[in-house]
Amino acid sequence: MQKVEIRLSLAENVKTFVNIVNRYDFDIDLRAGRHVVDAKSILGIFSLDLSKPISLEIADDSGKNAADVQSLLNDIKPFLA
């Protein structure tokens, strides 16, 4: 599992972010405190406190998707905190 911090301060950022992460087949979660939501769910993201950085957790236990994970990290670079 890989973890990075992201910031989604504007509603337009959330829409763009969800469109990006939906291109990938592996599980991606967002954690804010004790709340965890699916990063592919726009409604789930809006239930979080977006005024603070959020932890993005990429589930890739097998290591088969290493190139895809790196591609995802490149795609979401504008959102990295």
PDB file of N, CA and C in Angstrom:
ATOM      1  N   MET A   1       0.843  -1.171   0.000  1.00  0.00           N
ATOM      2  CA  MET A   1       0.000   0.000   0.000  1.00  0.00           C
ATOM      3  C   MET A   1       0.887   1.233   0.000  1.00  0.00           C
ATOM      4  N   GLN A   2       0.537   2.176  -0.857  1.00  0.00           N
ATOM      5  CA  GLN A   2       1.243   3.447  -0.906  1.00  0.00           C
ATOM      6  C   GLN A   2       0.343   4.534  -0.370  1.00  0.00           C
ATOM      7  N   LYS A   3       0.934   5.506   0.328  1.00  0.00           N
ATOM      8  CA  LYS A   3       0.175   6.623   0.877  1.00  0.00           C
ATOM      9  C   LYS A   3       0.835   7.926   0.477  1.00  0.00           C
ATOM     10  N   VAL A   4       0.006   8.893   0.066  1.00  0.00           N
ATOM     11  CA  VAL A   4       0.453  10.251  -0.220  1.00  0.00           C
ATOM     12  C   VAL A   4      -0.604  11.209   0.308  1.00  0.00           C
ATOM     13  N   GLU A   5      -0.197  12.438   0.559  1.00  0.00           N
ATOM     14  CA  GLU A   5      -1.133  13.474   1.003  1.00  0.00           C
ATOM     15  C   GLU A   5      -1.573  14.294  -0.203  1.00  0.00           C
ATOM     16  N   ILE A   6      -2.879  14.559  -0.282  1.00  0.00           N
ATOM     17  CA  ILE A   6      -3.413  15.388  -1.362  1.00  0.00           C
ATOM     18  C   ILE A   6      -4.250  16.507  -0.771  1.00  0.00           C
ATOM     19  N   ARG A   7      -4.533  17.490  -1.609  1.00  0.00           N
ATOM     20  CA  ARG A   7      -5.394  18.604  -1.210  1.00  0.00           C
ATOM     21  C   ARG A   7      -6.411  18.833  -2.320  1.00  0.00           C
ATOM     22  N   LEU A   8      -7.686  18.816  -1.951  1.00  0.00           N
ATOM     23  CA  LEU A   8      -8.792  19.047  -2.886  1.00  0.00           C
ATOM     24  C   LEU A   8      -9.617  20.210  -2.349  1.00  0.00           C
ATOM     25  N   SER A   9      -9.204  21.430  -2.643  1.00  0.00           N
ATOM     26  CA  SER A   9      -9.843  22.584  -2.026  1.00  0.00           C
ATOM     27  C   SER A   9     -11.042  23.131  -2.799  1.00  0.00           C
ATOM     28  N   LEU A  10     -11.133  22.862  -4.078  1.00  0.00           N
ATOM     29  CA  LEU A  10     -12.235  23.382  -4.887  1.00  0.00           C
ATOM     30  C   LEU A  10     -13.096  22.246  -5.427  1.00  0.00           C
ATOM     31  N   ALA A  11     -14.379  22.519  -5.628  1.00  0.00           N
ATOM     32  CA  ALA A  11     -15.292  21.506  -6.158  1.00  0.00           C
ATOM     33  C   ALA A  11     -14.835  21.031  -7.535  1.00  0.00           C
ATOM     34  N   GLU A  12     -14.307  21.929  -8.349  1.00  0.00           N
ATOM     35  CA  GLU A  12     -13.815  21.555  -9.674  1.00  0.00           C
ATOM     36  C   GLU A  12     -12.632  20.601  -9.558  1.00  0.00           C
ATOM     37  N   ASN A  13     -11.793  20.784  -8.529  1.00  0.00           N
ATOM     38  CA  ASN A  13     -10.668  19.878  -8.294  1.00  0.00           C
ATOM     39  C   ASN A  13     -11.165  18.466  -7.979  1.00  0.00           C
ATOM     40  N   VAL A  14     -12.233  18.376  -7.204  1.00  0.00           N
ATOM     41  CA  VAL A  14     -12.791  17.069  -6.833  1.00  0.00           C
ATOM     42  C   VAL A  14     -13.278  16.351  -8.088  1.00  0.00           C
ATOM     43  N   LYS A  15     -13.984  17.052  -8.938  1.00  0.00           N
ATOM     44  CA  LYS A  15     -14.504  16.459 -10.174  1.00  0.00           C
ATOM     45  C   LYS A  15     -13.357  15.947 -11.053  1.00  0.00           C
ATOM     46  N   THR A  16     -12.329  16.756 -11.232  1.00  0.00           N
ATOM     47  CA  THR A  16     -11.174  16.363 -12.037  1.00  0.00           C
ATOM     48  C   THR A  16     -10.465  15.167 -11.419  1.00  0.00           C
ATOM     49  N   PHE A  17     -10.272  15.198 -10.101  1.00  0.00           N
ATOM     50  CA  PHE A  17      -9.602  14.113  -9.393  1.00  0.00           C
ATOM     51  C   PHE A  17     -10.361  12.800  -9.563  1.00  0.00           C
ATOM     52  N   VAL A  18     -11.673  12.814  -9.392  1.00  0.00           N
ATOM     53  CA  VAL A  18     -12.488  11.593  -9.523  1.00  0.00           C
ATOM     54  C   VAL A  18     -12.411  11.053 -10.951  1.00  0.00           C
ATOM     55  N   ASN A  19     -12.421  11.927 -11.934  1.00  0.00           N
ATOM     56  CA  ASN A  19     -12.292  11.471 -13.320  1.00  0.00           C
ATOM     57  C   ASN A  19     -10.953  10.781 -13.551  1.00  0.00           C
ATOM     58  N   ILE A  20      -9.898  11.276 -12.924  1.00  0.00           N
ATOM     59  CA  ILE A  20      -8.571  10.659 -13.075  1.00  0.00           C
ATOM     60  C   ILE A  20      -8.530   9.292 -12.407  1.00  0.00           C
ATOM     61  N   VAL A  21      -8.929   9.207 -11.133  1.00  0.00           N
ATOM     62  CA  VAL A  21      -8.781   7.940 -10.403  1.00  0.00           C
ATOM     63  C   VAL A  21      -9.704   6.850 -10.941  1.00  0.00           C
ATOM     64  N   ASN A  22     -10.787   7.217 -11.590  1.00  0.00           N
ATOM     65  CA  ASN A  22     -11.690   6.210 -12.156  1.00  0.00           C
ATOM     66  C   ASN A  22     -11.097   5.491 -13.357  1.00  0.00           C
ATOM     67  N   ARG A  23      -9.981   5.970 -13.880  1.00  0.00           N
ATOM     68  CA  ARG A  23      -9.306   5.301 -14.994  1.00  0.00           C
ATOM     69  C   ARG A  23      -8.511   4.074 -14.544  1.00  0.00           C
ATOM     70  N   TYR A  24      -8.325   3.919 -13.244  1.00  0.00           N
ATOM     71  CA  TYR A  24      -7.471   2.855 -12.712  1.00  0.00           C
ATOM     72  C   TYR A  24      -8.318   1.770 -12.057  1.00  0.00           C
ATOM     73  N   ASP A  25      -7.888   0.505 -12.242  1.00  0.00           N
ATOM     74  CA  ASP A  25      -8.662  -0.648 -11.779  1.00  0.00           C
ATOM     75  C   ASP A  25      -8.458  -0.999 -10.311  1.00  0.00           C
ATOM     76  N   PHE A  26      -7.384  -0.564  -9.700  1.00  0.00           N
ATOM     77  CA  PHE A  26      -7.122  -0.955  -8.314  1.00  0.00           C
ATOM     78  C   PHE A  26      -7.860  -0.043  -7.335  1.00  0.00           C
ATOM     79  N   ASP A  27      -7.950  -0.494  -6.083  1.00  0.00           N
ATOM     80  CA  ASP A  27      -8.662   0.258  -5.045  1.00  0.00           C
ATOM     81  C   ASP A  27      -7.848   1.472  -4.600  1.00  0.00           C
ATOM     82  N   ILE A  28      -8.551   2.595  -4.482  1.00  0.00           N
ATOM     83  CA  ILE A  28      -7.937   3.838  -4.031  1.00  0.00           C
ATOM     84  C   ILE A  28      -8.884   4.436  -3.001  1.00  0.00           C
ATOM     85  N   ASP A  29      -8.364   4.676  -1.807  1.00  0.00           N
ATOM     86  CA  ASP A  29      -9.174   5.225  -0.723  1.00  0.00           C
ATOM     87  C   ASP A  29      -8.627   6.566  -0.275  1.00  0.00           C
ATOM     88  N   LEU A  30      -9.512   7.366   0.332  1.00  0.00           N
ATOM     89  CA  LEU A  30      -9.114   8.612   0.962  1.00  0.00           C
ATOM     90  C   LEU A  30      -9.411   8.507   2.442  1.00  0.00           C
ATOM     91  N   ARG A  31      -8.461   8.937   3.271  1.00  0.00           N
ATOM     92  CA  ARG A  31      -8.620   8.873   4.719  1.00  0.00           C
ATOM     93  C   ARG A  31      -8.438  10.279   5.299  1.00  0.00           C
ATOM     94  N   ALA A  32      -9.435  10.708   6.047  1.00  0.00           N
ATOM     95  CA  ALA A  32      -9.371  11.971   6.778  1.00  0.00           C
ATOM     96  C   ALA A  32      -9.724  11.647   8.225  1.00  0.00           C
ATOM     97  N   GLY A  33      -8.703  11.595   9.077  1.00  0.00           N
ATOM     98  CA  GLY A  33      -8.931  11.170  10.452  1.00  0.00           C
ATOM     99  C   GLY A  33      -9.328   9.708  10.469  1.00  0.00           C
ATOM    100  N   ARG A  34     -10.469   9.413  11.063  1.00  0.00           N
ATOM    101  CA  ARG A  34     -10.919   8.017  11.097  1.00  0.00           C
ATOM    102  C   ARG A  34     -11.914   7.688   9.993  1.00  0.00           C
ATOM    103  N   HIS A  35     -12.212   8.650   9.137  1.00  0.00           N
ATOM    104  CA  HIS A  35     -13.158   8.444   8.037  1.00  0.00           C
ATOM    105  C   HIS A  35     -12.418   8.012   6.783  1.00  0.00           C
ATOM    106  N   VAL A  36     -12.898   6.931   6.169  1.00  0.00           N
ATOM    107  CA  VAL A  36     -12.309   6.408   4.934  1.00  0.00           C
ATOM    108  C   VAL A  36     -13.405   6.316   3.888  1.00  0.00           C
ATOM    109  N   VAL A  37     -13.126   6.861   2.694  1.00  0.00           N
ATOM    110  CA  VAL A  37     -14.096   6.797   1.597  1.00  0.00           C
ATOM    111  C   VAL A  37     -13.384   6.322   0.336  1.00  0.00           C
ATOM    112  N   ASP A  38     -14.155   5.800  -0.588  1.00  0.00           N
ATOM    113  CA  ASP A  38     -13.651   5.394  -1.892  1.00  0.00           C
ATOM    114  C   ASP A  38     -13.281   6.656  -2.672  1.00  0.00           C
ATOM    115  N   ALA A  39     -12.047   6.731  -3.156  1.00  0.00           N
ATOM    116  CA  ALA A  39     -11.590   7.913  -3.894  1.00  0.00           C
ATOM    117  C   ALA A  39     -12.306   8.070  -5.230  1.00  0.00           C
ATOM    118  N   LYS A  40     -13.017   7.041  -5.666  1.00  0.00           N
ATOM    119  CA  LYS A  40     -13.741   7.097  -6.929  1.00  0.00           C
ATOM    120  C   LYS A  40     -15.171   7.590  -6.750  1.00  0.00           C
ATOM    121  N   SER A  41     -15.537   7.942  -5.514  1.00  0.00           N
ATOM    122  CA  SER A  41     -16.887   8.391  -5.194  1.00  0.00           C
ATOM    123  C   SER A  41     -16.896   9.894  -4.917  1.00  0.00           C
ATOM    124  N   ILE A  42     -17.515  10.642  -5.798  1.00  0.00           N
ATOM    125  CA  ILE A  42     -17.558  12.094  -5.627  1.00  0.00           C
ATOM    126  C   ILE A  42     -18.338  12.475  -4.370  1.00  0.00           C
ATOM    127  N   LEU A  43     -19.422  11.751  -4.093  1.00  0.00           N
ATOM    128  CA  LEU A  43     -20.197  12.040  -2.884  1.00  0.00           C
ATOM    129  C   LEU A  43     -19.403  11.700  -1.620  1.00  0.00           C
ATOM    130  N   GLY A  44     -18.667  10.607  -1.671  1.00  0.00           N
ATOM    131  CA  GLY A  44     -17.837  10.240  -0.531  1.00  0.00           C
ATOM    132  C   GLY A  44     -16.795  11.299  -0.232  1.00  0.00           C
ATOM    133  N   ILE A  45     -16.173  11.830  -1.267  1.00  0.00           N
ATOM    134  CA  ILE A  45     -15.149  12.861  -1.080  1.00  0.00           C
ATOM    135  C   ILE A  45     -15.750  14.111  -0.468  1.00  0.00           C
ATOM    136  N   PHE A  46     -16.940  14.499  -0.922  1.00  0.00           N
ATOM    137  CA  PHE A  46     -17.564  15.703  -0.376  1.00  0.00           C
ATOM    138  C   PHE A  46     -18.013  15.525   1.076  1.00  0.00           C
ATOM    139  N   SER A  47     -18.019  14.290   1.573  1.00  0.00           N
ATOM    140  CA  SER A  47     -18.363  14.081   2.983  1.00  0.00           C
ATOM    141  C   SER A  47     -17.162  14.316   3.903  1.00  0.00           C
ATOM    142  N   LEU A  48     -15.979  14.504   3.316  1.00  0.00           N
ATOM    143  CA  LEU A  48     -14.764  14.732   4.099  1.00  0.00           C
ATOM    144  C   LEU A  48     -14.525  16.231   4.310  1.00  0.00           C
ATOM    145  N   ASP A  49     -13.687  16.548   5.293  1.00  0.00           N
ATOM    146  CA  ASP A  49     -13.263  17.925   5.532  1.00  0.00           C
ATOM    147  C   ASP A  49     -12.172  18.257   4.519  1.00  0.00           C
ATOM    148  N   LEU A  50     -12.529  19.010   3.478  1.00  0.00           N
ATOM    149  CA  LEU A  50     -11.600  19.301   2.390  1.00  0.00           C
ATOM    150  C   LEU A  50     -10.714  20.505   2.672  1.00  0.00           C
ATOM    151  N   SER A  51     -10.836  21.114   3.839  1.00  0.00           N
ATOM    152  CA  SER A  51      -9.998  22.265   4.176  1.00  0.00           C
ATOM    153  C   SER A  51      -8.598  21.843   4.615  1.00  0.00           C
ATOM    154  N   LYS A  52      -8.410  20.547   4.855  1.00  0.00           N
ATOM    155  CA  LYS A  52      -7.120  20.014   5.296  1.00  0.00           C
ATOM    156  C   LYS A  52      -6.635  18.979   4.295  1.00  0.00           C
ATOM    157  N   PRO A  53      -5.331  18.702   4.287  1.00  0.00           N
ATOM    158  CA  PRO A  53      -4.834  17.625   3.409  1.00  0.00           C
ATOM    159  C   PRO A  53      -5.466  16.280   3.773  1.00  0.00           C
ATOM    160  N   ILE A  54      -5.641  15.439   2.770  1.00  0.00           N
ATOM    161  CA  ILE A  54      -6.274  14.130   2.924  1.00  0.00           C
ATOM    162  C   ILE A  54      -5.247  13.073   2.523  1.00  0.00           C
ATOM    163  N   SER A  55      -5.260  11.952   3.210  1.00  0.00           N
ATOM    164  CA  SER A  55      -4.348  10.862   2.898  1.00  0.00           C
ATOM    165  C   SER A  55      -4.956   9.972   1.806  1.00  0.00           C
ATOM    166  N   LEU A  56      -4.224   9.799   0.715  1.00  0.00           N
ATOM    167  CA  LEU A  56      -4.625   8.924  -0.385  1.00  0.00           C
ATOM    168  C   LEU A  56      -3.913   7.597  -0.200  1.00  0.00           C
ATOM    169  N   GLU A  57      -4.675   6.510  -0.171  1.00  0.00           N
ATOM    170  CA  GLU A  57      -4.116   5.177   0.034  1.00  0.00           C
ATOM    171  C   GLU A  57      -4.383   4.336  -1.213  1.00  0.00           C
ATOM    172  N   ILE A  58      -3.305   3.877  -1.822  1.00  0.00           N
ATOM    173  CA  ILE A  58      -3.393   3.080  -3.042  1.00  0.00           C
ATOM    174  C   ILE A  58      -3.129   1.627  -2.677  1.00  0.00           C
ATOM    175  N   ALA A  59      -4.115   0.781  -2.866  1.00  0.00           N
ATOM    176  CA  ALA A  59      -3.994  -0.639  -2.533  1.00  0.00           C
ATOM    177  C   ALA A  59      -3.391  -1.377  -3.725  1.00  0.00           C
ATOM    178  N   ASP A  60      -2.158  -1.785  -3.570  1.00  0.00           N
ATOM    179  CA  ASP A  60      -1.478  -2.549  -4.606  1.00  0.00           C
ATOM    180  C   ASP A  60      -0.589  -3.572  -3.913  1.00  0.00           C
ATOM    181  N   ASP A  61      -1.222  -4.488  -3.202  1.00  0.00           N
ATOM    182  CA  ASP A  61      -0.488  -5.467  -2.404  1.00  0.00           C
ATOM    183  C   ASP A  61       0.324  -6.434  -3.259  1.00  0.00           C
ATOM    184  N   SER A  62      -0.113  -6.689  -4.468  1.00  0.00           N
ATOM    185  CA  SER A  62       0.571  -7.675  -5.296  1.00  0.00           C
ATOM    186  C   SER A  62       1.794  -7.111  -5.998  1.00  0.00           C
ATOM    187  N   GLY A  63       1.847  -5.792  -6.181  1.00  0.00           N
ATOM    188  CA  GLY A  63       2.962  -5.176  -6.882  1.00  0.00           C
ATOM    189  C   GLY A  63       2.863  -5.279  -8.391  1.00  0.00           C
ATOM    190  N   LYS A  64       1.798  -5.915  -8.899  1.00  0.00           N
ATOM    191  CA  LYS A  64       1.636  -6.097 -10.342  1.00  0.00           C
ATOM    192  C   LYS A  64       1.360  -4.777 -11.055  1.00  0.00           C
ATOM    193  N   ASN A  65       0.784  -3.831 -10.344  1.00  0.00           N
ATOM    194  CA  ASN A  65       0.368  -2.576 -10.956  1.00  0.00           C
ATOM    195  C   ASN A  65       1.344  -1.435 -10.693  1.00  0.00           C
ATOM    196  N   ALA A  66       2.610  -1.734 -10.470  1.00  0.00           N
ATOM    197  CA  ALA A  66       3.577  -0.696 -10.102  1.00  0.00           C
ATOM    198  C   ALA A  66       3.643   0.410 -11.144  1.00  0.00           C
ATOM    199  N   ALA A  67       3.628   0.061 -12.406  1.00  0.00           N
ATOM    200  CA  ALA A  67       3.665   1.077 -13.462  1.00  0.00           C
ATOM    201  C   ALA A  67       2.386   1.906 -13.445  1.00  0.00           C
ATOM    202  N   ASP A  68       1.242   1.254 -13.199  1.00  0.00           N
ATOM    203  CA  ASP A  68      -0.024   1.984 -13.135  1.00  0.00           C
ATOM    204  C   ASP A  68      -0.064   2.909 -11.930  1.00  0.00           C
ATOM    205  N   VAL A  69       0.490   2.468 -10.809  1.00  0.00           N
ATOM    206  CA  VAL A  69       0.528   3.322  -9.610  1.00  0.00           C
ATOM    207  C   VAL A  69       1.366   4.551  -9.894  1.00  0.00           C
ATOM    208  N   GLN A  70       2.512   4.374 -10.533  1.00  0.00           N
ATOM    209  CA  GLN A  70       3.357   5.526 -10.866  1.00  0.00           C
ATOM    210  C   GLN A  70       2.645   6.452 -11.842  1.00  0.00           C
ATOM    211  N   SER A  71       1.908   5.879 -12.785  1.00  0.00           N
ATOM    212  CA  SER A  71       1.127   6.684 -13.727  1.00  0.00           C
ATOM    213  C   SER A  71       0.056   7.489 -12.996  1.00  0.00           C
ATOM    214  N   LEU A  72      -0.616   6.852 -12.031  1.00  0.00           N
ATOM    215  CA  LEU A  72      -1.615   7.550 -11.228  1.00  0.00           C
ATOM    216  C   LEU A  72      -0.976   8.711 -10.475  1.00  0.00           C
ATOM    217  N   LEU A  73       0.155   8.462  -9.843  1.00  0.00           N
ATOM    218  CA  LEU A  73       0.827   9.521  -9.086  1.00  0.00           C
ATOM    219  C   LEU A  73       1.227  10.692  -9.986  1.00  0.00           C
ATOM    220  N   ASN A  74       1.627  10.391 -11.212  1.00  0.00           N
ATOM    221  CA  ASN A  74       1.938  11.464 -12.168  1.00  0.00           C
ATOM    222  C   ASN A  74       0.685  12.237 -12.554  1.00  0.00           C
ATOM    223  N   ASP A  75      -0.423  11.519 -12.741  1.00  0.00           N
ATOM    224  CA  ASP A  75      -1.679  12.166 -13.146  1.00  0.00           C
ATOM    225  C   ASP A  75      -2.238  13.079 -12.059  1.00  0.00           C
ATOM    226  N   ILE A  76      -2.033  12.701 -10.788  1.00  0.00           N
ATOM    227  CA  ILE A  76      -2.604  13.501  -9.692  1.00  0.00           C
ATOM    228  C   ILE A  76      -1.592  14.480  -9.094  1.00  0.00           C
ATOM    229  N   LYS A  77      -0.479  14.663  -9.775  1.00  0.00           N
ATOM    230  CA  LYS A  77       0.572  15.552  -9.258  1.00  0.00           C
ATOM    231  C   LYS A  77       0.058  16.943  -8.864  1.00  0.00           C
ATOM    232  N   PRO A  78      -0.879  17.549  -9.611  1.00  0.00           N
ATOM    233  CA  PRO A  78      -1.373  18.870  -9.206  1.00  0.00           C
ATOM    234  C   PRO A  78      -2.094  18.877  -7.854  1.00  0.00           C
ATOM    235  N   PHE A  79      -2.534  17.707  -7.382  1.00  0.00           N
ATOM    236  CA  PHE A  79      -3.282  17.632  -6.134  1.00  0.00           C
ATOM    237  C   PHE A  79      -2.421  17.235  -4.942  1.00  0.00           C
ATOM    238  N   LEU A  80      -1.158  16.862  -5.182  1.00  0.00           N
ATOM    239  CA  LEU A  80      -0.294  16.435  -4.083  1.00  0.00           C
ATOM    240  C   LEU A  80      -0.015  17.608  -3.152  1.00  0.00           C
ATOM    241  N   ALA A  81      -0.103  17.325  -1.855  1.00  0.00           N
ATOM    242  CA  ALA A  81       0.114  18.377  -0.849  1.00  0.00           C
ATOM    243  C   ALA A  81       1.592  18.496  -0.531  1.00  0.00           C
TER     244      ALA A  81
END
